[in-house]
């Protein structure tokens, strides 16, 4: 294996070294955002059910 091939192989392996952890972090962030939006929607739904006029404050 020449030094050029070796450096190309090292670059590719280091490139793929961060893809997995980045995908996990992105998935966790999306999960947090989804749970946050679901919680807000549930609270808004409860607020509308209790006092329909209070939901139209904006």
PDB file of N, CA and C in Angstrom:
ATOM      1  N   UNK A   1       0.859  -1.158   0.000  1.00  0.00           N
ATOM      2  CA  UNK A   1       0.000   0.000   0.000  1.00  0.00           C
ATOM      3  C   UNK A   1       0.916   1.235   0.000  1.00  0.00           C
ATOM      4  N   UNK A   2       0.640   2.130  -0.911  1.00  0.00           N
ATOM      5  CA  UNK A   2       1.467   3.341  -0.981  1.00  0.00           C
ATOM      6  C   UNK A   2       1.043   4.318   0.109  1.00  0.00           C
ATOM      7  N   UNK A   3       1.865   5.337   0.314  1.00  0.00           N
ATOM      8  CA  UNK A   3       1.541   6.309   1.364  1.00  0.00           C
ATOM      9  C   UNK A   3       0.287   7.106   1.006  1.00  0.00           C
ATOM     10  N   UNK A   4       0.044   7.345  -0.287  1.00  0.00           N
ATOM     11  CA  UNK A   4      -1.171   8.053  -0.712  1.00  0.00           C
ATOM     12  C   UNK A   4      -2.417   7.243  -0.409  1.00  0.00           C
ATOM     13  N   UNK A   5      -2.347   5.938  -0.691  1.00  0.00           N
ATOM     14  CA  UNK A   5      -3.489   5.081  -0.385  1.00  0.00           C
ATOM     15  C   UNK A   5      -3.715   4.997   1.116  1.00  0.00           C
ATOM     16  N   UNK A   6      -2.621   4.923   1.842  1.00  0.00           N
ATOM     17  CA  UNK A   6      -2.740   4.841   3.299  1.00  0.00           C
ATOM     18  C   UNK A   6      -3.372   6.110   3.870  1.00  0.00           C
ATOM     19  N   UNK A   7      -2.960   7.285   3.395  1.00  0.00           N
ATOM     20  CA  UNK A   7      -3.530   8.532   3.914  1.00  0.00           C
ATOM     21  C   UNK A   7      -4.995   8.663   3.518  1.00  0.00           C
ATOM     22  N   UNK A   8      -5.361   8.188   2.313  1.00  0.00           N
ATOM     23  CA  UNK A   8      -6.763   8.224   1.893  1.00  0.00           C
ATOM     24  C   UNK A   8      -7.601   7.306   2.776  1.00  0.00           C
ATOM     25  N   UNK A   9      -7.041   6.153   3.118  1.00  0.00           N
ATOM     26  CA  UNK A   9      -7.755   5.225   3.983  1.00  0.00           C
ATOM     27  C   UNK A   9      -7.937   5.802   5.383  1.00  0.00           C
ATOM     28  N   UNK A  10      -6.909   6.465   5.889  1.00  0.00           N
ATOM     29  CA  UNK A  10      -6.996   7.083   7.213  1.00  0.00           C
ATOM     30  C   UNK A  10      -8.040   8.194   7.201  1.00  0.00           C
ATOM     31  N   UNK A  11      -8.090   8.983   6.116  1.00  0.00           N
ATOM     32  CA  UNK A  11      -9.083  10.048   6.025  1.00  0.00           C
ATOM     33  C   UNK A  11     -10.491   9.484   6.033  1.00  0.00           C
ATOM     34  N   UNK A  12     -10.716   8.424   5.268  1.00  0.00           N
ATOM     35  CA  UNK A  12     -12.049   7.833   5.210  1.00  0.00           C
ATOM     36  C   UNK A  12     -12.458   7.251   6.557  1.00  0.00           C
ATOM     37  N   UNK A  13     -11.534   6.587   7.237  1.00  0.00           N
ATOM     38  CA  UNK A  13     -11.896   5.992   8.515  1.00  0.00           C
ATOM     39  C   UNK A  13     -12.151   7.067   9.562  1.00  0.00           C
ATOM     40  N   UNK A  14     -11.422   8.169   9.504  1.00  0.00           N
ATOM     41  CA  UNK A  14     -11.684   9.237  10.471  1.00  0.00           C
ATOM     42  C   UNK A  14     -12.973   9.968  10.136  1.00  0.00           C
ATOM     43  N   UNK A  15     -13.310  10.038   8.839  1.00  0.00           N
ATOM     44  CA  UNK A  15     -14.563  10.675   8.436  1.00  0.00           C
ATOM     45  C   UNK A  15     -15.747   9.886   8.973  1.00  0.00           C
ATOM     46  N   UNK A  16     -15.678   8.560   8.856  1.00  0.00           N
ATOM     47  CA  UNK A  16     -16.783   7.732   9.333  1.00  0.00           C
ATOM     48  C   UNK A  16     -16.768   7.606  10.849  1.00  0.00           C
ATOM     49  N   UNK A  17     -15.711   8.031  11.487  1.00  0.00           N
ATOM     50  CA  UNK A  17     -15.635   7.944  12.931  1.00  0.00           C
ATOM     51  C   UNK A  17     -16.573   8.897  13.640  1.00  0.00           C
ATOM     52  N   UNK A  18     -16.955   9.988  12.994  1.00  0.00           N
ATOM     53  CA  UNK A  18     -17.846  10.948  13.655  1.00  0.00           C
ATOM     54  C   UNK A  18     -19.279  10.839  13.177  1.00  0.00           C
ATOM     55  N   UNK A  19     -19.539  10.056  12.136  1.00  0.00           N
ATOM     56  CA  UNK A  19     -20.890   9.969  11.584  1.00  0.00           C
ATOM     57  C   UNK A  19     -21.845   9.296  12.568  1.00  0.00           C
ATOM     58  N   UNK A  20     -21.419   8.208  13.177  1.00  0.00           N
ATOM     59  CA  UNK A  20     -22.276   7.497  14.124  1.00  0.00           C
ATOM     60  C   UNK A  20     -22.641   8.341  15.335  1.00  0.00           C
ATOM     61  N   UNK A  21     -21.644   8.893  16.030  1.00  0.00           N
ATOM     62  CA  UNK A  21     -21.972   9.738  17.180  1.00  0.00           C
ATOM     63  C   UNK A  21     -22.806  10.977  16.800  1.00  0.00           C
ATOM     64  N   UNK A  22     -22.535  11.555  15.631  1.00  0.00           N
ATOM     65  CA  UNK A  22     -23.314  12.716  15.193  1.00  0.00           C
ATOM     66  C   UNK A  22     -24.768  12.323  14.941  1.00  0.00           C
ATOM     67  N   UNK A  23     -24.987  11.142  14.379  1.00  0.00           N
ATOM     68  CA  UNK A  23     -26.350  10.661  14.134  1.00  0.00           C
ATOM     69  C   UNK A  23     -27.074  10.406  15.453  1.00  0.00           C
ATOM     70  N   UNK A  24     -26.369   9.883  16.428  1.00  0.00           N
ATOM     71  CA  UNK A  24     -26.982   9.640  17.739  1.00  0.00           C
ATOM     72  C   UNK A  24     -27.351  10.961  18.404  1.00  0.00           C
ATOM     73  N   UNK A  25     -26.446  11.921  18.358  1.00  0.00           N
ATOM     74  CA  UNK A  25     -26.719  13.235  18.954  1.00  0.00           C
ATOM     75  C   UNK A  25     -27.896  13.898  18.250  1.00  0.00           C
ATOM     76  N   UNK A  26     -27.944  13.830  16.923  1.00  0.00           N
ATOM     77  CA  UNK A  26     -29.059  14.417  16.176  1.00  0.00           C
ATOM     78  C   UNK A  26     -30.373  13.731  16.543  1.00  0.00           C
ATOM     79  N   UNK A  27     -30.347  12.426  16.690  1.00  0.00           N
ATOM     80  CA  UNK A  27     -31.556  11.700  17.083  1.00  0.00           C
ATOM     81  C   UNK A  27     -32.044  12.084  18.468  1.00  0.00           C
ATOM     82  N   UNK A  28     -31.112  12.248  19.395  1.00  0.00           N
ATOM     83  CA  UNK A  28     -31.481  12.655  20.757  1.00  0.00           C
ATOM     84  C   UNK A  28     -32.078  14.061  20.745  1.00  0.00           C
ATOM     85  N   UNK A  29     -31.466  14.964  19.983  1.00  0.00           N
ATOM     86  CA  UNK A  29     -32.001  16.326  19.897  1.00  0.00           C
ATOM     87  C   UNK A  29     -33.398  16.345  19.283  1.00  0.00           C
ATOM     88  N   UNK A  30     -33.608  15.547  18.245  1.00  0.00           N
ATOM     89  CA  UNK A  30     -34.942  15.470  17.647  1.00  0.00           C
ATOM     90  C   UNK A  30     -35.956  14.893  18.624  1.00  0.00           C
ATOM     91  N   UNK A  31     -35.536  13.916  19.413  1.00  0.00           N
ATOM     92  CA  UNK A  31     -36.420  13.340  20.421  1.00  0.00           C
ATOM     93  C   UNK A  31     -36.806  14.378  21.464  1.00  0.00           C
ATOM     94  N   UNK A  32     -35.836  15.167  21.920  1.00  0.00           N
ATOM     95  CA  UNK A  32     -36.116  16.213  22.906  1.00  0.00           C
ATOM     96  C   UNK A  32     -37.089  17.235  22.343  1.00  0.00           C
ATOM     97  N   UNK A  33     -36.865  17.654  21.105  1.00  0.00           N
ATOM     98  CA  UNK A  33     -37.763  18.632  20.480  1.00  0.00           C
ATOM     99  C   UNK A  33     -39.164  18.054  20.320  1.00  0.00           C
ATOM    100  N   UNK A  34     -39.258  16.796  19.912  1.00  0.00           N
ATOM    101  CA  UNK A  34     -40.568  16.167  19.741  1.00  0.00           C
ATOM    102  C   UNK A  34     -41.312  16.070  21.069  1.00  0.00           C
ATOM    103  N   UNK A  35     -40.603  15.690  22.131  1.00  0.00           N
ATOM    104  CA  UNK A  35     -41.251  15.603  23.442  1.00  0.00           C
ATOM    105  C   UNK A  35     -41.677  16.976  23.938  1.00  0.00           C
ATOM    106  N   UNK A  36     -40.853  17.990  23.685  1.00  0.00           N
ATOM    107  CA  UNK A  36     -41.190  19.352  24.093  1.00  0.00           C
ATOM    108  C   UNK A  36     -42.446  19.836  23.366  1.00  0.00           C
ATOM    109  N   UNK A  37     -42.498  19.599  22.049  1.00  0.00           N
ATOM    110  CA  UNK A  37     -43.672  20.028  21.276  1.00  0.00           C
ATOM    111  C   UNK A  37     -44.919  19.263  21.704  1.00  0.00           C
ATOM    112  N   UNK A  38     -44.767  17.990  22.002  1.00  0.00           N
ATOM    113  CA  UNK A  38     -45.920  17.191  22.424  1.00  0.00           C
ATOM    114  C   UNK A  38     -46.450  17.677  23.770  1.00  0.00           C
ATOM    115  N   UNK A  39     -45.527  18.004  24.668  1.00  0.00           N
ATOM    116  CA  UNK A  39     -45.934  18.507  25.978  1.00  0.00           C
ATOM    117  C   UNK A  39     -46.676  19.837  25.831  1.00  0.00           C
ATOM    118  N   UNK A  40     -46.134  20.734  24.999  1.00  0.00           N
ATOM    119  CA  UNK A  40     -46.788  22.032  24.794  1.00  0.00           C
ATOM    120  C   UNK A  40     -48.168  21.860  24.171  1.00  0.00           C
ATOM    121  N   UNK A  41     -48.289  20.941  23.215  1.00  0.00           N
ATOM    122  CA  UNK A  41     -49.577  20.708  22.570  1.00  0.00           C
ATOM    123  C   UNK A  41     -50.583  20.133  23.565  1.00  0.00           C
ATOM    124  N   UNK A  42     -50.118  19.224  24.416  1.00  0.00           N
ATOM    125  CA  UNK A  42     -51.014  18.639  25.416  1.00  0.00           C
ATOM    126  C   UNK A  42     -51.483  19.697  26.401  1.00  0.00           C
ATOM    127  N   UNK A  43     -50.567  20.554  26.846  1.00  0.00           N
ATOM    128  CA  UNK A  43     -50.949  21.613  27.777  1.00  0.00           C
ATOM    129  C   UNK A  43     -51.924  22.593  27.131  1.00  0.00           C
ATOM    130  N   UNK A  44     -51.683  22.930  25.864  1.00  0.00           N
ATOM    131  CA  UNK A  44     -52.587  23.840  25.160  1.00  0.00           C
ATOM    132  C   UNK A  44     -53.968  23.204  25.004  1.00  0.00           C
ATOM    133  N   UNK A  45     -53.996  21.913  24.741  1.00  0.00           N
ATOM    134  CA  UNK A  45     -55.274  21.211  24.594  1.00  0.00           C
ATOM    135  C   UNK A  45     -56.046  21.229  25.911  1.00  0.00           C
ATOM    136  N   UNK A  46     -55.343  21.004  27.006  1.00  0.00           N
ATOM    137  CA  UNK A  46     -55.997  21.039  28.316  1.00  0.00           C
ATOM    138  C   UNK A  46     -56.487  22.445  28.635  1.00  0.00           C
ATOM    139  N   UNK A  47     -55.688  23.439  28.265  1.00  0.00           N
ATOM    140  CA  UNK A  47     -56.074  24.821  28.518  1.00  0.00           C
ATOM    141  C   UNK A  47     -57.330  25.190  27.729  1.00  0.00           C
ATOM    142  N   UNK A  48     -57.393  24.745  26.468  1.00  0.00           N
ATOM    143  CA  UNK A  48     -58.575  25.028  25.647  1.00  0.00           C
ATOM    144  C   UNK A  48     -59.805  24.326  26.200  1.00  0.00           C
ATOM    145  N   UNK A  49     -59.615  23.110  26.723  1.00  0.00           N
ATOM    146  CA  UNK A  49     -60.751  22.360  27.256  1.00  0.00           C
ATOM    147  C   UNK A  49     -61.281  23.006  28.534  1.00  0.00           C
ATOM    148  N   UNK A  50     -60.393  23.606  29.321  1.00  0.00           N
ATOM    149  CA  UNK A  50     -60.822  24.213  30.574  1.00  0.00           C
ATOM    150  C   UNK A  50     -61.467  25.574  30.344  1.00  0.00           C
ATOM    151  N   UNK A  51     -60.754  26.431  29.638  1.00  0.00           N
ATOM    152  CA  UNK A  51     -61.274  27.778  29.362  1.00  0.00           C
ATOM    153  C   UNK A  51     -61.035  28.107  27.889  1.00  0.00           C
ATOM    154  N   UNK A  52     -62.015  27.937  27.054  1.00  0.00           N
ATOM    155  CA  UNK A  52     -61.811  28.181  25.614  1.00  0.00           C
ATOM    156  C   UNK A  52     -61.381  29.623  25.298  1.00  0.00           C
ATOM    157  N   UNK A  53     -61.810  30.585  26.070  1.00  0.00           N
ATOM    158  CA  UNK A  53     -61.442  31.978  25.782  1.00  0.00           C
ATOM    159  C   UNK A  53     -59.982  32.255  26.143  1.00  0.00           C
ATOM    160  N   UNK A  54     -59.419  31.507  27.074  1.00  0.00           N
ATOM    161  CA  UNK A  54     -58.033  31.738  27.506  1.00  0.00           C
ATOM    162  C   UNK A  54     -57.018  31.265  26.462  1.00  0.00           C
ATOM    163  N   UNK A  55     -57.425  30.378  25.582  1.00  0.00           N
ATOM    164  CA  UNK A  55     -56.502  29.855  24.578  1.00  0.00           C
ATOM    165  C   UNK A  55     -56.218  30.870  23.480  1.00  0.00           C
ATOM    166  N   UNK A  56     -57.060  31.883  23.338  1.00  0.00           N
ATOM    167  CA  UNK A  56     -56.922  32.876  22.267  1.00  0.00           C
ATOM    168  C   UNK A  56     -56.262  34.148  22.748  1.00  0.00           C
ATOM    169  N   UNK A  57     -55.287  34.044  23.606  1.00  0.00           N
ATOM    170  CA  UNK A  57     -54.666  35.246  24.164  1.00  0.00           C
ATOM    171  C   UNK A  57     -53.748  35.946  23.181  1.00  0.00           C
ATOM    172  N   UNK A  58     -53.286  35.299  22.168  1.00  0.00           N
ATOM    173  CA  UNK A  58     -52.380  35.925  21.209  1.00  0.00           C
ATOM    174  C   UNK A  58     -53.127  36.208  19.953  1.00  0.00           C
TER     175      UNK A  58
END
